[in-house]
PDB file of N, CA and C in Angstrom:
ATOM      1  N   MET A   1     124.844  73.618  61.352  1.00  0.00           N
ATOM      2  CA  MET A   1     125.659  74.796  61.651  1.00  0.00           C
ATOM      3  C   MET A   1     126.726  74.958  60.438  1.00  0.00           C
ATOM      4  N   ALA A   2     126.896  76.154  59.900  1.00  0.00           N
ATOM      5  CA  ALA A   2     127.524  76.043  58.821  1.00  0.00           C
ATOM      6  C   ALA A   2     129.051  76.264  59.420  1.00  0.00           C
ATOM      7  N   ARG A   3     129.993  76.147  58.468  1.00  0.00           N
ATOM      8  CA  ARG A   3     131.466  76.184  58.528  1.00  0.00           C
ATOM      9  C   ARG A   3     131.977  78.066  58.328  1.00  0.00           C
ATOM     10  N   LYS A   4     132.749  78.178  58.951  1.00  0.00           N
ATOM     11  CA  LYS A   4     133.733  79.590  58.682  1.00  0.00           C
ATOM     12  C   LYS A   4     134.543  79.439  58.665  1.00  0.00           C
ATOM     13  N   VAL A   5     134.393  80.296  57.307  1.00  0.00           N
ATOM     14  CA  VAL A   5     135.794  79.838  56.315  1.00  0.00           C
ATOM     15  C   VAL A   5     136.365  81.313  56.440  1.00  0.00           C
ATOM     16  N   VAL A   6     137.844  80.753  56.821  1.00  0.00           N
ATOM     17  CA  VAL A   6     138.901  82.303  57.330  1.00  0.00           C
ATOM     18  C   VAL A   6     139.899  82.291  55.768  1.00  0.00           C
ATOM     19  N   ASP A   7     139.743  83.473  55.510  1.00  0.00           N
ATOM     20  CA  ASP A   7     140.370  83.918  54.041  1.00  0.00           C
ATOM     21  C   ASP A   7     141.953  83.897  54.632  1.00  0.00           C
ATOM     22  N   GLU A   8     142.640  83.114  54.314  1.00  0.00           N
ATOM     23  CA  GLU A   8     144.528  83.504  55.260  1.00  0.00           C
ATOM     24  C   GLU A   8     145.138  83.679  54.104  1.00  0.00           C
ATOM     25  N   PRO A   9     146.182  84.538  54.402  1.00  0.00           N
ATOM     26  CA  PRO A   9     146.889  85.222  53.247  1.00  0.00           C
ATOM     27  C   PRO A   9     147.675  83.675  52.782  1.00  0.00           C
ATOM     28  N   GLY A  10     148.897  84.169  51.970  1.00  0.00           N
ATOM     29  CA  GLY A  10     149.500  82.868  51.469  1.00  0.00           C
ATOM     30  C   GLY A  10     150.958  82.621  52.234  1.00  0.00           C
ATOM     31  N   GLU A  11     151.201  81.222  51.938  1.00  0.00           N
ATOM     32  CA  GLU A  11     152.484  81.503  52.335  1.00  0.00           C
ATOM     33  C   GLU A  11     153.703  82.124  52.428  1.00  0.00           C
ATOM     34  N   GLU A  12     153.440  83.094  50.709  1.00  0.00           N
ATOM     35  CA  GLU A  12     154.348  83.527  50.793  1.00  0.00           C
ATOM     36  C   GLU A  12     154.692  84.541  50.931  1.00  0.00           C
ATOM     37  N   VAL A  13     153.067  85.251  51.217  1.00  0.00           N
ATOM     38  CA  VAL A  13     152.771  86.400  51.633  1.00  0.00           C
ATOM     39  C   VAL A  13     153.466  87.163  53.481  1.00  0.00           C
ATOM     40  N   VAL A  14     153.050  85.881  54.271  1.00  0.00           N
ATOM     41  CA  VAL A  14     153.509  85.549  55.531  1.00  0.00           C
ATOM     42  C   VAL A  14     155.312  85.645  55.076  1.00  0.00           C
ATOM     43  N   ALA A  15     155.948  85.004  55.110  1.00  0.00           N
ATOM     44  CA  ALA A  15     157.310  84.968  54.498  1.00  0.00           C
ATOM     45  C   ALA A  15     157.870  86.319  54.266  1.00  0.00           C
ATOM     46  N   ASN A  16     156.918  86.508  53.118  1.00  0.00           N
ATOM     47  CA  ASN A  16     158.100  88.338  52.726  1.00  0.00           C
ATOM     48  C   ASN A  16     157.849  89.239  54.143  1.00  0.00           C
ATOM     49  N   ALA A  17     156.127  89.267  55.058  1.00  0.00           N
ATOM     50  CA  ALA A  17     156.037  90.136  55.757  1.00  0.00           C
ATOM     51  C   ALA A  17     156.907  89.737  57.176  1.00  0.00           C
ATOM     52  N   ARG A  18     156.900  88.598  57.253  1.00  0.00           N
ATOM     53  CA  ARG A  18     157.640  88.011  58.160  1.00  0.00           C
ATOM     54  C   ARG A  18     158.930  88.292  58.342  1.00  0.00           C
ATOM     55  N   MET A  19     159.724  88.421  57.222  1.00  0.00           N
ATOM     56  CA  MET A  19     161.225  88.512  56.424  1.00  0.00           C
ATOM     57  C   MET A  19     161.548  90.087  57.016  1.00  0.00           C
ATOM     58  N   ALA A  20     160.108  91.288  56.313  1.00  0.00           N
ATOM     59  CA  ALA A  20     160.269  92.743  56.505  1.00  0.00           C
ATOM     60  C   ALA A  20     160.445  92.945  57.426  1.00  0.00           C
ATOM     61  N   ARG A  21     159.745  92.380  58.861  1.00  0.00           N
ATOM     62  CA  ARG A  21     159.865  92.774  60.377  1.00  0.00           C
ATOM     63  C   ARG A  21     160.698  92.480  60.712  1.00  0.00           C
ATOM     64  N   GLU A  22     161.388  91.396  60.714  1.00  0.00           N
ATOM     65  CA  GLU A  22     162.697  90.876  61.089  1.00  0.00           C
ATOM     66  C   GLU A  22     163.886  91.816  60.772  1.00  0.00           C
ATOM     67  N   SER A  23     163.863  92.213  59.447  1.00  0.00           N
ATOM     68  CA  SER A  23     165.133  92.841  59.654  1.00  0.00           C
ATOM     69  C   SER A  23     164.651  94.326  59.604  1.00  0.00           C
ATOM     70  N   LYS A  24     165.024  94.709  60.343  1.00  0.00           N
ATOM     71  CA  LYS A  24     165.122  96.468  59.993  1.00  0.00           C
ATOM     72  C   LYS A  24     165.678  97.524  59.309  1.00  0.00           C
ATOM     73  N   ARG A  25     165.192  97.584  58.204  1.00  0.00           N
ATOM     74  CA  ARG A  25     166.061  98.888  56.760  1.00  0.00           C
ATOM     75  C   ARG A  25     165.964  99.666  56.614  1.00  0.00           C
ATOM     76  N   GLY A  26     167.397  99.937  56.214  1.00  0.00           N
ATOM     77  CA  GLY A  26     168.238 101.481  56.269  1.00  0.00           C
ATOM     78  C   GLY A  26     166.984 102.442  55.494  1.00  0.00           C
ATOM     79  N   PRO A  27     167.921 103.788  55.150  1.00  0.00           N
ATOM     80  CA  PRO A  27     167.163 104.484  54.648  1.00  0.00           C
ATOM     81  C   PRO A  27     167.102 103.978  52.932  1.00  0.00           C
ATOM     82  N   PHE A  28     168.366 104.020  52.778  1.00  0.00           N
ATOM     83  CA  PHE A  28     168.965 103.144  51.100  1.00  0.00           C
ATOM     84  C   PHE A  28     168.131 102.000  50.665  1.00  0.00           C
ATOM     85  N   ALA A  29     168.360 100.859  52.082  1.00  0.00           N
ATOM     86  CA  ALA A  29     167.077  99.957  51.480  1.00  0.00           C
ATOM     87  C   ALA A  29     165.695 100.094  51.116  1.00  0.00           C
ATOM     88  N   ARG A  30     165.164 101.495  51.883  1.00  0.00           N
ATOM     89  CA  ARG A  30     163.820 101.789  51.646  1.00  0.00           C
ATOM     90  C   ARG A  30     163.542 102.241  50.427  1.00  0.00           C
ATOM     91  N   VAL A  31     164.176 103.281  50.428  1.00  0.00           N
ATOM     92  CA  VAL A  31     164.322 104.107  49.057  1.00  0.00           C
ATOM     93  C   VAL A  31     164.476 103.262  48.236  1.00  0.00           C
ATOM     94  N   SER A  32     165.518 101.872  47.730  1.00  0.00           N
ATOM     95  CA  SER A  32     165.349 100.836  46.895  1.00  0.00           C
ATOM     96  C   SER A  32     163.895 100.285  46.637  1.00  0.00           C
ATOM     97  N   LEU A  33     163.659  99.748  48.017  1.00  0.00           N
ATOM     98  CA  LEU A  33     162.536  98.788  47.784  1.00  0.00           C
ATOM     99  C   LEU A  33     161.208 100.164  47.503  1.00  0.00           C
ATOM    100  N   PHE A  34     160.976 101.254  47.568  1.00  0.00           N
ATOM    101  CA  PHE A  34     159.862 101.568  46.989  1.00  0.00           C
ATOM    102  C   PHE A  34     160.057 101.915  45.783  1.00  0.00           C
ATOM    103  N   VAL A  35     161.128 102.371  45.181  1.00  0.00           N
ATOM    104  CA  VAL A  35     161.852 102.381  43.828  1.00  0.00           C
ATOM    105  C   VAL A  35     161.570 100.785  43.138  1.00  0.00           C
ATOM    106  N   ARG A  36     161.637  99.948  43.443  1.00  0.00           N
ATOM    107  CA  ARG A  36     161.372  98.607  42.454  1.00  0.00           C
ATOM    108  C   ARG A  36     159.658  98.321  42.747  1.00  0.00           C
ATOM    109  N   GLN A  37     158.915  98.923  43.992  1.00  0.00           N
ATOM    110  CA  GLN A  37     157.924  98.555  43.747  1.00  0.00           C
ATOM    111  C   GLN A  37     157.090  99.686  42.823  1.00  0.00           C
ATOM    112  N   VAL A  38     158.007 100.592  42.167  1.00  0.00           N
ATOM    113  CA  VAL A  38     157.048 102.078  41.723  1.00  0.00           C
ATOM    114  C   VAL A  38     157.100 101.222  40.479  1.00  0.00           C
ATOM    115  N   MET A  39     158.417 100.601  40.038  1.00  0.00           N
ATOM    116  CA  MET A  39     158.599  99.269  38.948  1.00  0.00           C
ATOM    117  C   MET A  39     158.193  99.087  38.680  1.00  0.00           C
ATOM    118  N   ALA A  40     157.385  97.946  39.330  1.00  0.00           N
ATOM    119  CA  ALA A  40     156.788  96.411  39.541  1.00  0.00           C
ATOM    120  C   ALA A  40     155.457  97.119  38.525  1.00  0.00           C
ATOM    121  N   GLU A  41     154.964  98.187  39.465  1.00  0.00           N
ATOM    122  CA  GLU A  41     153.671  99.271  39.219  1.00  0.00           C
ATOM    123  C   GLU A  41     153.138  99.539  37.829  1.00  0.00           C
ATOM    124  N   LEU A  42     154.698 100.093  37.201  1.00  0.00           N
ATOM    125  CA  LEU A  42     154.617 100.874  36.346  1.00  0.00           C
ATOM    126  C   LEU A  42     154.499  99.938  34.813  1.00  0.00           C
ATOM    127  N   ARG A  43     155.391  97.772  35.596  1.00  0.00           N
ATOM    128  CA  ARG A  43     155.191  97.166  33.927  1.00  0.00           C
ATOM    129  C   ARG A  43     153.899  97.334  34.301  1.00  0.00           C
ATOM    130  N   LYS A  44     152.615  97.319  34.679  1.00  0.00           N
ATOM    131  CA  LYS A  44     151.379  96.852  34.717  1.00  0.00           C
ATOM    132  C   LYS A  44     151.012  97.675  34.321  1.00  0.00           C
ATOM    133  N   VAL A  45     151.158  98.777  33.369  1.00  0.00           N
ATOM    134  CA  VAL A  45     150.355 100.103  33.347  1.00  0.00           C
ATOM    135  C   VAL A  45     150.301  99.801  31.307  1.00  0.00           C
ATOM    136  N   VAL A  46     148.897  99.626  31.203  1.00  0.00           N
ATOM    137  CA  VAL A  46     148.740  99.513  29.767  1.00  0.00           C
ATOM    138  C   VAL A  46     148.361 100.907  28.596  1.00  0.00           C
ATOM    139  N   THR A  47     149.825 101.024  27.703  1.00  0.00           N
ATOM    140  CA  THR A  47     148.673 102.293  27.599  1.00  0.00           C
ATOM    141  C   THR A  47     147.854 102.184  26.070  1.00  0.00           C
ATOM    142  N   PRO A  48     147.272 103.343  26.127  1.00  0.00           N
ATOM    143  CA  PRO A  48     146.328 103.164  25.194  1.00  0.00           C
ATOM    144  C   PRO A  48     146.031 102.957  23.513  1.00  0.00           C
ATOM    145  N   THR A  49     145.784 102.673  23.013  1.00  0.00           N
ATOM    146  CA  THR A  49     145.803 102.906  20.981  1.00  0.00           C
ATOM    147  C   THR A  49     145.797 104.243  21.019  1.00  0.00           C
ATOM    148  N   ARG A  50     146.435 104.738  19.721  1.00  0.00           N
ATOM    149  CA  ARG A  50     146.053 106.178  19.217  1.00  0.00           C
ATOM    150  C   ARG A  50     144.439 106.105  19.225  1.00  0.00           C
ATOM    151  N   LYS A  51     143.836 105.903  18.576  1.00  0.00           N
ATOM    152  CA  LYS A  51     142.339 105.397  18.220  1.00  0.00           C
ATOM    153  C   LYS A  51     141.346 105.509  20.109  1.00  0.00           C
ATOM    154  N   GLU A  52     141.522 104.410  21.129  1.00  0.00           N
ATOM    155  CA  GLU A  52     141.459 104.739  22.135  1.00  0.00           C
ATOM    156  C   GLU A  52     142.052 106.044  23.315  1.00  0.00           C
ATOM    157  N   LEU A  53     142.792 106.728  22.615  1.00  0.00           N
ATOM    158  CA  LEU A  53     143.213 107.915  23.337  1.00  0.00           C
ATOM    159  C   LEU A  53     142.352 109.078  22.873  1.00  0.00           C
ATOM    160  N   LEU A  54     142.022 108.810  21.454  1.00  0.00           N
ATOM    161  CA  LEU A  54     140.919 110.104  20.576  1.00  0.00           C
ATOM    162  C   LEU A  54     139.573 109.876  21.181  1.00  0.00           C
ATOM    163  N   SER A  55     139.633 108.556  21.050  1.00  0.00           N
ATOM    164  CA  SER A  55     138.062 108.186  22.340  1.00  0.00           C
ATOM    165  C   SER A  55     138.169 108.885  23.259  1.00  0.00           C
ATOM    166  N   TYR A  56     138.684 108.817  24.273  1.00  0.00           N
ATOM    167  CA  TYR A  56     138.615 109.004  25.564  1.00  0.00           C
ATOM    168  C   TYR A  56     138.852 110.390  25.336  1.00  0.00           C
ATOM    169  N   THR A  57     140.037 110.853  24.859  1.00  0.00           N
ATOM    170  CA  THR A  57     139.907 113.013  24.847  1.00  0.00           C
ATOM    171  C   THR A  57     139.048 113.458  24.451  1.00  0.00           C
ATOM    172  N   GLY A  58     137.639 112.420  22.964  1.00  0.00           N
ATOM    173  CA  GLY A  58     136.451 112.938  22.815  1.00  0.00           C
ATOM    174  C   GLY A  58     135.135 113.023  23.777  1.00  0.00           C
ATOM    175  N   VAL A  59     135.395 112.230  25.067  1.00  0.00           N
ATOM    176  CA  VAL A  59     134.839 111.621  26.180  1.00  0.00           C
ATOM    177  C   VAL A  59     135.181 113.107  26.846  1.00  0.00           C
ATOM    178  N   VAL A  60     135.997 113.330  27.199  1.00  0.00           N
ATOM    179  CA  VAL A  60     135.864 114.127  28.049  1.00  0.00           C
ATOM    180  C   VAL A  60     135.836 115.463  27.950  1.00  0.00           C
ATOM    181  N   LEU A  61     136.125 115.521  26.063  1.00  0.00           N
ATOM    182  CA  LEU A  61     136.098 117.288  25.904  1.00  0.00           C
ATOM    183  C   LEU A  61     134.065 117.575  26.091  1.00  0.00           C
ATOM    184  N   VAL A  62     133.631 116.768  25.552  1.00  0.00           N
ATOM    185  CA  VAL A  62     132.227 116.803  25.275  1.00  0.00           C
ATOM    186  C   VAL A  62     131.793 116.469  27.120  1.00  0.00           C
ATOM    187  N   PHE A  63     131.981 116.652  27.682  1.00  0.00           N
ATOM    188  CA  PHE A  63     131.906 115.660  28.767  1.00  0.00           C
ATOM    189  C   PHE A  63     131.989 117.324  29.813  1.00  0.00           C
ATOM    190  N   VAL A  64     133.167 118.032  29.560  1.00  0.00           N
ATOM    191  CA  VAL A  64     133.630 119.484  30.030  1.00  0.00           C
ATOM    192  C   VAL A  64     132.563 120.237  29.816  1.00  0.00           C
ATOM    193  N   VAL A  65     132.109 120.429  28.135  1.00  0.00           N
ATOM    194  CA  VAL A  65     131.188 121.341  27.902  1.00  0.00           C
ATOM    195  C   VAL A  65     129.883 121.035  27.586  1.00  0.00           C
ATOM    196  N   ILE A  66     129.692 119.737  28.493  1.00  0.00           N
ATOM    197  CA  ILE A  66     128.368 119.418  29.362  1.00  0.00           C
ATOM    198  C   ILE A  66     127.817 120.249  30.000  1.00  0.00           C
ATOM    199  N   MET A  67     129.173 120.569  31.106  1.00  0.00           N
ATOM    200  CA  MET A  67     129.115 120.900  32.517  1.00  0.00           C
ATOM    201  C   MET A  67     129.419 122.221  32.264  1.00  0.00           C
ATOM    202  N   MET A  68     129.700 122.802  31.551  1.00  0.00           N
ATOM    203  CA  MET A  68     129.906 123.939  31.406  1.00  0.00           C
ATOM    204  C   MET A  68     128.882 124.916  31.002  1.00  0.00           C
ATOM    205  N   ALA A  69     127.840 124.225  30.093  1.00  0.00           N
ATOM    206  CA  ALA A  69     126.697 124.912  30.056  1.00  0.00           C
ATOM    207  C   ALA A  69     125.750 124.056  30.955  1.00  0.00           C
ATOM    208  N   ILE A  70     125.934 123.168  31.773  1.00  0.00           N
ATOM    209  CA  ILE A  70     124.885 123.454  33.240  1.00  0.00           C
ATOM    210  C   ILE A  70     125.543 124.478  33.558  1.00  0.00           C
ATOM    211  N   VAL A  71     126.135 124.643  34.601  1.00  0.00           N
ATOM    212  CA  VAL A  71     127.079 125.634  35.288  1.00  0.00           C
ATOM    213  C   VAL A  71     126.534 127.275  34.658  1.00  0.00           C
ATOM    214  N   SER A  72     126.468 127.089  33.499  1.00  0.00           N
ATOM    215  CA  SER A  72     126.334 128.451  33.113  1.00  0.00           C
ATOM    216  C   SER A  72     125.092 128.334  32.680  1.00  0.00           C
ATOM    217  N   VAL A  73     124.175 127.709  32.506  1.00  0.00           N
ATOM    218  CA  VAL A  73     122.565 127.900  32.687  1.00  0.00           C
ATOM    219  C   VAL A  73     122.797 128.190  34.572  1.00  0.00           C
ATOM    220  N   PHE A  74     122.713 127.509  35.262  1.00  0.00           N
ATOM    221  CA  PHE A  74     122.508 127.472  36.757  1.00  0.00           C
ATOM    222  C   PHE A  74     122.632 129.571  36.682  1.00  0.00           C
ATOM    223  N   ASP A  75     124.718 129.457  36.607  1.00  0.00           N
ATOM    224  CA  ASP A  75     124.473 131.232  36.741  1.00  0.00           C
ATOM    225  C   ASP A  75     123.622 131.717  36.504  1.00  0.00           C
ATOM    226  N   TRP A  76     123.000 132.083  35.073  1.00  0.00           N
ATOM    227  CA  TRP A  76     121.990 132.835  34.223  1.00  0.00           C
ATOM    228  C   TRP A  76     121.311 132.597  35.449  1.00  0.00           C
ATOM    229  N   VAL A  77     119.934 131.720  35.082  1.00  0.00           N
ATOM    230  CA  VAL A  77     118.997 131.537  36.190  1.00  0.00           C
ATOM    231  C   VAL A  77     119.501 132.007  37.769  1.00  0.00           C
ATOM    232  N   PHE A  78     120.376 131.977  38.227  1.00  0.00           N
ATOM    233  CA  PHE A  78     121.106 132.902  39.893  1.00  0.00           C
ATOM    234  C   PHE A  78     121.119 134.198  39.847  1.00  0.00           C
ATOM    235  N   ALA A  79     121.576 134.169  38.383  1.00  0.00           N
ATOM    236  CA  ALA A  79     121.478 135.900  38.675  1.00  0.00           C
ATOM    237  C   ALA A  79     120.442 136.647  38.408  1.00  0.00           C
ATOM    238  N   LEU A  80     119.628 136.284  37.372  1.00  0.00           N
ATOM    239  CA  LEU A  80     118.153 136.489  37.394  1.00  0.00           C
ATOM    240  C   LEU A  80     117.196 136.467  38.712  1.00  0.00           C
ATOM    241  N   ALA A  81     117.178 135.335  39.214  1.00  0.00           N
ATOM    242  CA  ALA A  81     116.698 135.397  40.580  1.00  0.00           C
ATOM    243  C   ALA A  81     117.639 136.516  41.610  1.00  0.00           C
ATOM    244  N   VAL A  82     118.275 136.629  41.704  1.00  0.00           N
ATOM    245  CA  VAL A  82     119.055 137.328  42.559  1.00  0.00           C
ATOM    246  C   VAL A  82     119.209 139.105  42.230  1.00  0.00           C
ATOM    247  N   THR A  83     118.819 139.671  40.611  1.00  0.00           N
ATOM    248  CA  THR A  83     118.311 140.597  40.667  1.00  0.00           C
ATOM    249  C   THR A  83     117.147 140.948  40.117  1.00  0.00           C
ATOM    250  N   PHE A  84     115.878 140.391  40.286  1.00  0.00           N
ATOM    251  CA  PHE A  84     114.598 140.234  40.578  1.00  0.00           C
ATOM    252  C   PHE A  84     114.350 139.984  42.215  1.00  0.00           C
ATOM    253  N   MET A  85     114.611 139.972  43.658  1.00  0.00           N
ATOM    254  CA  MET A  85     115.194 139.572  44.175  1.00  0.00           C
ATOM    255  C   MET A  85     115.905 141.065  45.072  1.00  0.00           C
ATOM    256  N   PHE A  86     116.586 141.530  44.714  1.00  0.00           N
ATOM    257  CA  PHE A  86     117.434 142.749  45.187  1.00  0.00           C
ATOM    258  C   PHE A  86     117.449 144.135  44.115  1.00  0.00           C
ATOM    259  N   GLY A  87     116.716 143.585  42.880  1.00  0.00           N
ATOM    260  CA  GLY A  87     116.836 145.022  41.906  1.00  0.00           C
ATOM    261  C   GLY A  87     118.489 145.255  41.375  1.00  0.00           C
ATOM    262  N   THR A  88     118.149 146.504  40.526  1.00  0.00           N
ATOM    263  CA  THR A  88     119.082 146.637  40.180  1.00  0.00           C
ATOM    264  C   THR A  88     120.392 147.926  40.864  1.00  0.00           C
ATOM    265  N   PRO A  89     120.489 147.571  40.901  1.00  0.00           N
ATOM    266  CA  PRO A  89     121.609 148.696  42.177  1.00  0.00           C
ATOM    267  C   PRO A  89     121.499 150.076  41.124  1.00  0.00           C
TER     268      PRO A  89
END
């Protein structure tokens, strides 16, 4: 019979959660916590180099042009179909 392995959170996570539950935070403390968490996430952001940025921009522009072409072809085909079915006004 196989053992069941349970993924339990670390002691630090449990201690922080317990501390947060026990202490009711006021509105300023909640805003302060939010700002600290946002700043911590922003420190993780990696800005692309100029070469990467130009590459990503080129990929997006090519994708948009291709999608515009596909939508234009569908629009033209549907317009022909509607004109064929209902005739010109």
